[in-house]
Amino acid sequence: MASYVQNTLIKDEKIIYEGKTSIWSLIPLFVVGLIFLPFLGLGLLFWIAAVIRYATTELAFTNKRVIAKF
């Protein structure tokens, strides 16, 4: 299965760089999740949200444009 970036390329467009979300930007979600973990597992929802955000974000620079999918 091709990624979103691969599927949206136009004619003669080449990917120069593909990036991912930094783990450091997700630290607040992990910390809040750790704080709320004792409260009926509410912290797991924050951790799941961080993992989903990391897994589904795609960033790319091409020779014609910048592509970002969140």
Protein backbone atom coordinates (compact mmCIF):
# COMPACT_ATOMS: atom_id res chain seq x y z
CA MET A 1 0.00 0.00 0.00
CA ALA A 2 1.48 3.32 -1.06
CA SER A 3 1.58 6.30 1.26
CA TYR A 4 -0.50 9.43 0.86
CA VAL A 5 2.54 11.30 -0.43
CA GLN A 6 3.21 8.67 -3.11
CA ASN A 7 -0.44 8.76 -4.20
CA THR A 8 -0.56 12.56 -4.59
CA LEU A 9 2.53 13.05 -6.73
CA ILE A 10 1.87 14.80 -10.02
CA LYS A 11 3.64 14.28 -13.33
CA ASP A 12 7.43 14.79 -13.17
CA GLU A 13 7.35 15.38 -9.43
CA LYS A 14 10.08 13.78 -7.34
CA ILE A 15 10.34 13.46 -3.57
CA ILE A 16 13.38 15.26 -2.20
CA TYR A 17 12.83 14.54 1.49
CA GLU A 18 10.25 12.68 3.58
CA GLY A 19 9.92 13.45 7.27
CA LYS A 20 8.07 12.27 10.35
CA THR A 21 6.72 14.05 13.40
CA SER A 22 9.33 14.46 16.09
CA ILE A 23 8.87 12.31 19.18
CA TRP A 24 9.77 15.39 21.23
CA SER A 25 6.63 17.18 20.05
CA LEU A 26 4.56 14.32 21.50
CA ILE A 27 6.15 14.43 24.97
CA PRO A 28 3.27 16.52 26.46
CA LEU A 29 0.76 13.81 25.49
CA PHE A 30 2.94 11.11 27.04
CA VAL A 31 3.40 13.12 30.27
CA VAL A 32 -0.32 13.87 30.62
CA GLY A 33 -0.99 10.20 29.91
CA LEU A 34 1.40 9.23 32.69
CA ILE A 35 -0.33 11.60 35.11
CA PHE A 36 -3.83 10.32 34.27
CA LEU A 37 -2.88 6.63 34.08
CA PRO A 38 -4.14 5.83 37.61
CA PHE A 39 -7.57 7.33 36.81
CA LEU A 40 -9.33 4.36 35.21
CA GLY A 41 -6.66 4.08 32.53
CA LEU A 42 -7.52 7.50 31.12
CA GLY A 43 -3.83 8.01 30.45
CA LEU A 44 -3.90 5.22 27.87
CA LEU A 45 -6.15 7.40 25.70
CA PHE A 46 -3.49 10.10 25.65
CA TRP A 47 -0.81 7.55 24.76
CA ILE A 48 -2.98 6.11 21.99
CA ALA A 49 -3.60 9.62 20.64
CA ALA A 50 0.16 10.26 20.54
CA VAL A 51 0.83 7.00 18.70
CA ILE A 52 -1.94 7.68 16.17
CA ARG A 53 -0.66 11.21 15.58
CA TYR A 54 2.87 9.89 15.02
CA ALA A 55 1.79 7.05 12.73
CA THR A 56 -0.60 9.01 10.52
CA THR A 57 1.35 12.23 9.93
CA GLU A 58 3.21 12.40 6.62
CA LEU A 59 5.48 15.23 5.54
CA ALA A 60 7.39 15.57 2.28
CA PHE A 61 9.31 18.08 0.20
CA THR A 62 9.19 17.57 -3.53
CA ASN A 63 10.77 19.45 -6.38
CA LYS A 64 7.44 21.28 -6.90
CA ARG A 65 5.70 21.61 -3.51
CA VAL A 66 5.45 20.73 0.15
CA ILE A 67 3.01 17.98 1.13
CA ALA A 68 1.68 17.56 4.68
CA LYS A 69 -1.02 15.19 5.85
CA PHE A 70 -2.13 15.17 9.48
